[in-house]
Amino acid sequence: MLSQDLAHHAELQHKLGFKFRVQHTLLKSFVAFAEGHGDRYVHTARVLEWAAFAPSPRQRRNRLLTVRRFALALSAENRRHEIPPADALGHGPSERRIPYIYSADEIAALMQAASSLKPTCSIRPQMYETLFGLLAATGMRISEALALRLDDVIADGLLIRQTKFQKSRLLPLHRTTWDALDRYLLARRRVGTLNSALFVSAAGTPPAYSTVIAVFLQLARLIGLRGGPGQPGPCIHDLRHTFAVRSLEQCGQNRDAVDRHIVALSTYLGHAHVTDTYWYLQATPILMRQIAAAGEAMHKGAVS
């Protein structure tokens, strides 16, 4: 019964325009766990039992809140579904997670590790190397990269269609990024598949979001960027933060260049408002030196 409830709930979310990908994965795990214990309805005790398997407090709370939203929808039609209290696992931290800013060497190491994936004779190593490299070179969201089709690769760059804020945009690419993408496309043509997705696995189908995250974590641990499962560390979305910060570093102390760049960066990243872009910025030694130098120059100008 819960499986049918989840199928109907997911269908509704998709019709409303939500991708509902990560939530669906979590809910399928919960439903399998609950039905494995003979449950036909959502029970608070079972939700907490399942949430406890998550490796960190943040993930346990995320599990709880995901099932709670599901239970709220089900309870509207059937009161036998219990709604777990939102604070059953405490209150979530309000502080902003500090993003990890990758160095060029770390990104290169990640791509090198991806190129060594097995089986070496398949498209898999080159696909992951190109995918992670493209995320670093463009700052696009992982969901946007996985949604790319072959006909989204046009002469002027990559066409990102109807994304998070229902906006399409064009991403011009650097020549070196084009070269890497062309090499991948050459290998991609040799894959016997009719699927139009840009990124495909050895089976000729697009890799699942959860699979890509699992591979990223595996490689990040392999090259020493992360510890064991459940331990905090850099995540794939930090590549987007890194792109924003590194591109801003190129502006130097030119305040006019910074102003123009922020507007262009906001458009490139696909943000609805320029203020959304500020969330992706993080202090680095280079930026702090530039800010200090700009402040000193302004002070000297004011004094003179």
Protein backbone atom coordinates (compact mmCIF):
# COMPACT_ATOMS: atom_id res chain seq x y z
CA MET A 1 0.00 0.00 0.00
CA LEU A 2 2.79 2.42 0.86
CA SER A 3 4.41 1.63 -2.48
CA GLN A 4 1.23 2.64 -4.30
CA ASP A 5 0.93 5.76 -2.15
CA LEU A 6 4.48 6.72 -3.05
CA ALA A 7 3.89 6.12 -6.76
CA HIS A 8 0.85 8.41 -6.72
CA HIS A 9 2.70 11.02 -4.64
CA ALA A 10 5.69 11.03 -6.99
CA GLU A 11 3.44 11.33 -10.03
CA LEU A 12 1.74 14.35 -8.47
CA GLN A 13 5.07 16.02 -7.70
CA HIS A 14 6.24 15.55 -11.28
CA LYS A 15 2.99 16.99 -12.66
CA LEU A 16 3.48 20.02 -10.41
CA GLY A 17 6.86 20.58 -12.03
CA PHE A 18 9.14 19.28 -9.27
CA LYS A 19 12.06 17.02 -10.20
CA PHE A 20 11.50 15.07 -6.95
CA ARG A 21 14.60 12.96 -7.52
CA VAL A 22 16.51 12.90 -4.23
CA GLN A 23 13.32 12.84 -2.18
CA HIS A 24 11.96 9.96 -4.26
CA THR A 25 15.12 7.94 -3.66
CA LEU A 26 14.89 8.48 0.10
CA LEU A 27 11.18 7.69 0.20
CA LYS A 28 11.65 4.46 -1.76
CA SER A 29 14.21 3.41 0.83
CA PHE A 30 11.82 4.22 3.68
CA VAL A 31 8.87 2.47 2.03
CA ALA A 32 10.93 -0.67 1.43
CA PHE A 33 12.02 -0.61 5.08
CA ALA A 34 8.49 -0.03 6.40
CA GLU A 35 6.87 -2.64 4.18
CA GLY A 36 9.61 -5.07 5.15
CA HIS A 37 8.23 -4.77 8.68
CA GLY A 38 4.66 -5.26 7.48
CA ASP A 39 3.59 -1.61 7.72
CA ARG A 40 0.75 -0.36 5.55
CA TYR A 41 0.78 3.17 6.94
CA VAL A 42 3.40 5.66 8.05
CA HIS A 43 4.23 5.20 11.74
CA THR A 44 6.38 7.66 13.66
CA ALA A 45 8.37 4.97 15.45
CA ARG A 46 9.26 3.32 12.13
CA VAL A 47 10.31 6.63 10.61
CA LEU A 48 12.67 7.32 13.50
CA GLU A 49 14.02 3.77 13.35
CA TRP A 50 14.78 4.15 9.64
CA ALA A 51 16.21 7.66 10.01
CA ALA A 52 18.65 6.40 12.63
CA PHE A 53 20.52 4.43 9.94
CA ALA A 54 21.77 7.68 8.36
CA PRO A 55 25.46 8.35 9.18
CA SER A 56 25.15 11.94 10.44
CA PRO A 57 22.68 14.07 12.46
CA ARG A 58 22.06 16.31 9.44
CA GLN A 59 21.20 13.33 7.22
CA ARG A 60 19.01 11.75 9.92
CA ARG A 61 17.03 14.98 10.22
CA ASN A 62 16.75 15.23 6.44
CA ARG A 63 15.32 11.71 6.33
CA LEU A 64 12.79 12.59 9.02
CA LEU A 65 11.61 15.77 7.29
CA THR A 66 11.38 14.07 3.89
CA VAL A 67 9.09 11.34 5.24
CA ARG A 68 7.17 13.91 7.29
CA ARG A 69 6.22 15.85 4.15
CA PHE A 70 5.14 12.56 2.56
CA ALA A 71 3.08 11.69 5.65
CA LEU A 72 1.41 15.10 5.65
CA ALA A 73 0.18 14.51 2.11
CA LEU A 74 -1.05 10.99 2.90
CA SER A 75 -2.72 12.01 6.16
CA ALA A 76 -4.94 14.46 4.32
CA GLU A 77 -6.73 11.44 2.81
CA ASN A 78 -6.20 8.84 5.52
CA ARG A 79 -5.70 9.72 9.18
CA ARG A 80 -4.15 6.33 9.90
CA HIS A 81 -0.89 7.75 8.60
CA GLU A 82 1.01 9.29 11.50
CA ILE A 83 2.86 12.59 11.06
CA PRO A 84 6.25 12.53 12.81
CA PRO A 85 7.04 15.70 14.80
CA ALA A 86 9.45 17.94 12.91
CA ASP A 87 11.65 18.29 16.02
CA ALA A 88 11.72 14.57 16.87
CA LEU A 89 15.46 14.54 16.12
CA GLY A 90 16.16 18.04 17.40
CA HIS A 91 16.35 21.32 15.56
CA GLY A 92 18.53 21.66 12.50
CA PRO A 93 21.55 23.94 12.56
CA SER A 94 20.86 27.41 11.23
CA GLU A 95 24.43 28.24 10.25
CA ARG A 96 25.48 28.19 6.59
CA ARG A 97 27.64 25.25 5.61
CA ILE A 98 31.05 26.55 4.60
CA PRO A 99 31.67 25.37 1.03
CA TYR A 100 34.92 23.68 0.09
CA ILE A 101 36.89 25.57 -2.57
CA TYR A 102 38.89 23.11 -4.64
CA SER A 103 42.38 23.84 -5.85
CA ALA A 104 43.27 23.28 -9.50
CA ASP A 105 45.43 20.32 -8.45
CA GLU A 106 42.53 18.70 -6.56
CA ILE A 107 40.22 19.02 -9.56
CA ALA A 108 42.92 17.54 -11.78
CA ALA A 109 43.38 14.67 -9.31
CA LEU A 110 39.64 14.01 -9.27
CA MET A 111 39.51 13.88 -13.06
CA GLN A 112 42.60 11.67 -13.20
CA ALA A 113 41.02 9.26 -10.73
CA ALA A 114 37.85 9.22 -12.83
CA SER A 115 39.85 8.38 -15.95
CA SER A 116 41.15 5.27 -14.16
CA LEU A 117 37.73 3.82 -13.40
CA LYS A 118 36.89 0.32 -14.54
CA PRO A 119 36.20 -1.10 -17.05
CA THR A 120 38.96 0.80 -18.81
CA CYS A 121 37.81 -0.23 -22.28
CA SER A 122 34.33 1.26 -21.82
CA ILE A 123 32.94 4.81 -22.03
CA ARG A 124 32.65 4.94 -18.22
CA PRO A 125 36.08 6.41 -17.32
CA GLN A 126 35.95 9.11 -19.99
CA MET A 127 32.33 9.91 -19.22
CA TYR A 128 33.04 10.60 -15.54
CA GLU A 129 36.25 12.47 -16.30
CA THR A 130 34.39 14.71 -18.74
CA LEU A 131 31.37 15.13 -16.48
CA PHE A 132 33.38 16.22 -13.43
CA GLY A 133 35.61 18.42 -15.58
CA LEU A 134 32.58 20.10 -17.14
CA LEU A 135 31.07 20.78 -13.71
CA ALA A 136 34.31 22.44 -12.64
CA ALA A 137 34.72 24.43 -15.87
CA THR A 138 31.15 25.75 -16.06
CA GLY A 139 29.75 25.74 -12.51
CA MET A 140 26.55 24.11 -13.76
CA ARG A 141 24.37 22.09 -11.43
CA ILE A 142 24.83 18.31 -11.52
CA SER A 143 21.14 17.97 -12.40
CA GLU A 144 21.67 20.27 -15.40
CA ALA A 145 24.65 18.28 -16.62
CA LEU A 146 22.79 14.96 -16.40
CA ALA A 147 19.81 16.47 -18.26
CA LEU A 148 21.93 17.54 -21.25
CA ARG A 149 21.01 15.99 -24.61
CA LEU A 150 23.24 15.64 -27.65
CA ASP A 151 21.39 18.43 -29.46
CA ASP A 152 22.08 20.77 -26.51
CA VAL A 153 25.70 20.90 -27.70
CA ILE A 154 25.61 23.70 -30.27
CA ALA A 155 28.24 25.80 -32.00
CA ASP A 156 28.01 28.59 -29.40
CA GLY A 157 28.23 26.37 -26.34
CA LEU A 158 25.88 24.32 -24.16
CA LEU A 159 22.16 25.01 -24.10
CA ILE A 160 20.75 24.56 -20.58
CA ARG A 161 16.99 24.19 -20.86
CA GLN A 162 14.29 25.15 -18.33
CA THR A 163 16.24 24.59 -15.14
CA LYS A 164 15.71 25.38 -11.46
CA PHE A 165 14.15 28.80 -12.00
CA GLN A 166 12.43 27.84 -15.29
CA LYS A 167 15.06 29.75 -17.26
CA SER A 168 17.02 28.50 -20.26
CA ARG A 169 20.52 29.83 -20.86
CA LEU A 170 23.55 29.40 -23.10
CA LEU A 171 26.93 28.51 -21.62
CA PRO A 172 29.86 29.57 -23.82
CA LEU A 173 32.85 27.26 -23.33
CA HIS A 174 36.59 27.84 -23.21
CA ARG A 175 38.58 26.30 -26.03
CA THR A 176 40.18 23.74 -23.70
CA THR A 177 36.73 22.68 -22.47
CA TRP A 178 35.58 22.29 -26.07
CA ASP A 179 38.60 20.10 -26.81
CA ALA A 180 37.79 17.78 -23.89
CA LEU A 181 34.11 17.68 -24.84
CA ASP A 182 34.97 16.89 -28.48
CA ARG A 183 37.12 13.96 -27.35
CA TYR A 184 34.25 12.63 -25.26
CA LEU A 185 31.76 13.07 -28.11
CA LEU A 186 34.04 11.06 -30.38
CA ALA A 187 34.03 8.21 -27.87
CA ARG A 188 30.29 8.72 -27.25
CA ARG A 189 29.54 8.06 -30.94
CA ARG A 190 31.04 4.59 -30.62
CA VAL A 191 28.51 3.62 -27.93
CA GLY A 192 25.74 1.58 -29.52
CA THR A 193 22.71 3.36 -28.14
CA LEU A 194 19.73 5.30 -29.46
CA ASN A 195 19.51 7.29 -26.22
CA SER A 196 19.93 11.02 -26.86
CA ALA A 197 21.46 11.84 -23.46
CA LEU A 198 24.87 13.48 -23.65
CA PHE A 199 26.30 11.50 -20.75
CA VAL A 200 25.72 7.76 -20.94
CA SER A 201 27.03 4.74 -19.08
CA ALA A 202 28.60 1.63 -20.58
CA ALA A 203 25.05 0.28 -20.94
CA GLY A 204 24.13 3.23 -23.16
CA THR A 205 21.76 4.81 -20.63
CA PRO A 206 22.15 8.02 -18.59
CA PRO A 207 23.75 7.46 -15.17
CA ALA A 208 21.41 7.94 -12.22
CA TYR A 209 21.98 10.93 -9.96
CA SER A 210 22.59 8.65 -6.98
CA THR A 211 25.15 6.65 -8.96
CA VAL A 212 27.08 9.78 -9.92
CA ILE A 213 27.17 10.94 -6.30
CA ALA A 214 28.37 7.51 -5.17
CA VAL A 215 31.17 7.53 -7.76
CA PHE A 216 32.17 11.07 -6.77
CA LEU A 217 32.39 10.09 -3.09
CA GLN A 218 34.38 6.98 -3.98
CA LEU A 219 36.92 9.01 -5.96
CA ALA A 220 37.06 11.81 -3.37
CA ARG A 221 37.99 9.26 -0.71
CA LEU A 222 40.49 7.61 -3.04
CA ILE A 223 42.45 10.84 -3.55
CA GLY A 224 42.22 11.86 0.11
CA LEU A 225 39.62 14.63 -0.15
CA ARG A 226 37.19 12.85 2.17
CA GLY A 227 37.34 10.43 5.05
CA GLY A 228 35.15 7.36 5.50
CA PRO A 229 31.37 7.15 5.02
CA GLY A 230 29.46 9.59 7.19
CA GLN A 231 32.42 11.88 7.70
CA PRO A 232 32.11 15.47 6.45
CA GLY A 233 34.07 16.65 3.46
CA PRO A 234 33.88 18.25 0.02
CA CYS A 235 30.77 17.49 -2.00
CA ILE A 236 30.06 17.62 -5.71
CA HIS A 237 28.08 20.87 -5.39
CA ASP A 238 31.23 22.55 -4.07
CA LEU A 239 32.51 22.51 -7.66
CA ARG A 240 29.84 25.14 -8.38
CA HIS A 241 31.01 27.26 -5.45
CA THR A 242 34.60 26.87 -6.66
CA PHE A 243 33.72 28.08 -10.14
CA ALA A 244 32.04 31.20 -8.74
CA VAL A 245 34.93 32.05 -6.44
CA ARG A 246 37.76 31.33 -8.88
CA SER A 247 36.10 33.38 -11.60
CA LEU A 248 35.72 36.34 -9.22
CA GLU A 249 39.40 36.10 -8.33
CA GLN A 250 40.24 36.94 -11.95
CA CYS A 251 38.79 40.46 -11.55
CA GLY A 252 41.62 41.68 -9.35
CA GLN A 253 41.10 45.04 -7.66
CA ASN A 254 39.07 46.57 -10.47
CA ARG A 255 35.76 47.49 -8.80
CA ASP A 256 34.03 48.17 -12.12
CA ALA A 257 35.14 44.76 -13.40
CA VAL A 258 33.77 43.13 -10.25
CA ASP A 259 30.39 44.83 -10.69
CA ARG A 260 30.14 43.71 -14.31
CA HIS A 261 31.40 40.24 -13.51
CA ILE A 262 28.85 39.56 -10.76
CA VAL A 263 25.99 40.31 -13.14
CA ALA A 264 27.51 38.10 -15.84
CA LEU A 265 28.27 35.34 -13.32
CA SER A 266 24.70 35.39 -12.02
CA THR A 267 23.41 34.92 -15.56
CA TYR A 268 25.94 32.19 -16.34
CA LEU A 269 25.01 30.26 -13.19
CA GLY A 270 21.30 30.56 -14.00
CA HIS A 271 20.24 32.54 -10.93
CA ALA A 272 16.96 34.42 -10.81
CA HIS A 273 18.49 37.30 -8.83
CA VAL A 274 22.06 38.52 -8.47
CA THR A 275 21.69 38.22 -4.69
CA ASP A 276 21.40 34.44 -5.14
CA THR A 277 24.95 34.46 -6.50
CA TYR A 278 26.33 35.92 -3.26
CA TRP A 279 25.49 32.61 -1.55
CA TYR A 280 28.15 30.93 -3.69
CA LEU A 281 30.96 33.30 -2.79
CA GLN A 282 33.48 32.40 -0.12
CA ALA A 283 36.55 34.21 1.19
CA THR A 284 39.85 32.88 -0.15
CA PRO A 285 43.40 34.17 0.43
CA ILE A 286 43.44 35.67 -3.07
CA LEU A 287 40.14 37.49 -2.60
CA MET A 288 41.11 38.73 0.85
CA ARG A 289 44.38 40.15 -0.51
CA GLN A 290 42.47 41.89 -3.29
CA ILE A 291 39.94 43.31 -0.83
CA ALA A 292 42.72 44.53 1.46
CA ALA A 293 44.57 46.15 -1.44
CA ALA A 294 41.37 47.81 -2.70
CA GLY A 295 40.59 49.10 0.78
CA GLU A 296 44.10 50.47 1.20
CA ALA A 297 43.94 52.18 -2.21
CA MET A 298 40.58 53.72 -1.33
CA HIS A 299 41.93 54.95 2.01
CA LYS A 300 44.99 56.55 0.41
CA GLY A 301 42.75 58.21 -2.15
CA ALA A 302 40.53 59.61 0.57
CA VAL A 303 43.50 60.87 2.58
CA SER A 304 45.14 62.58 -0.35
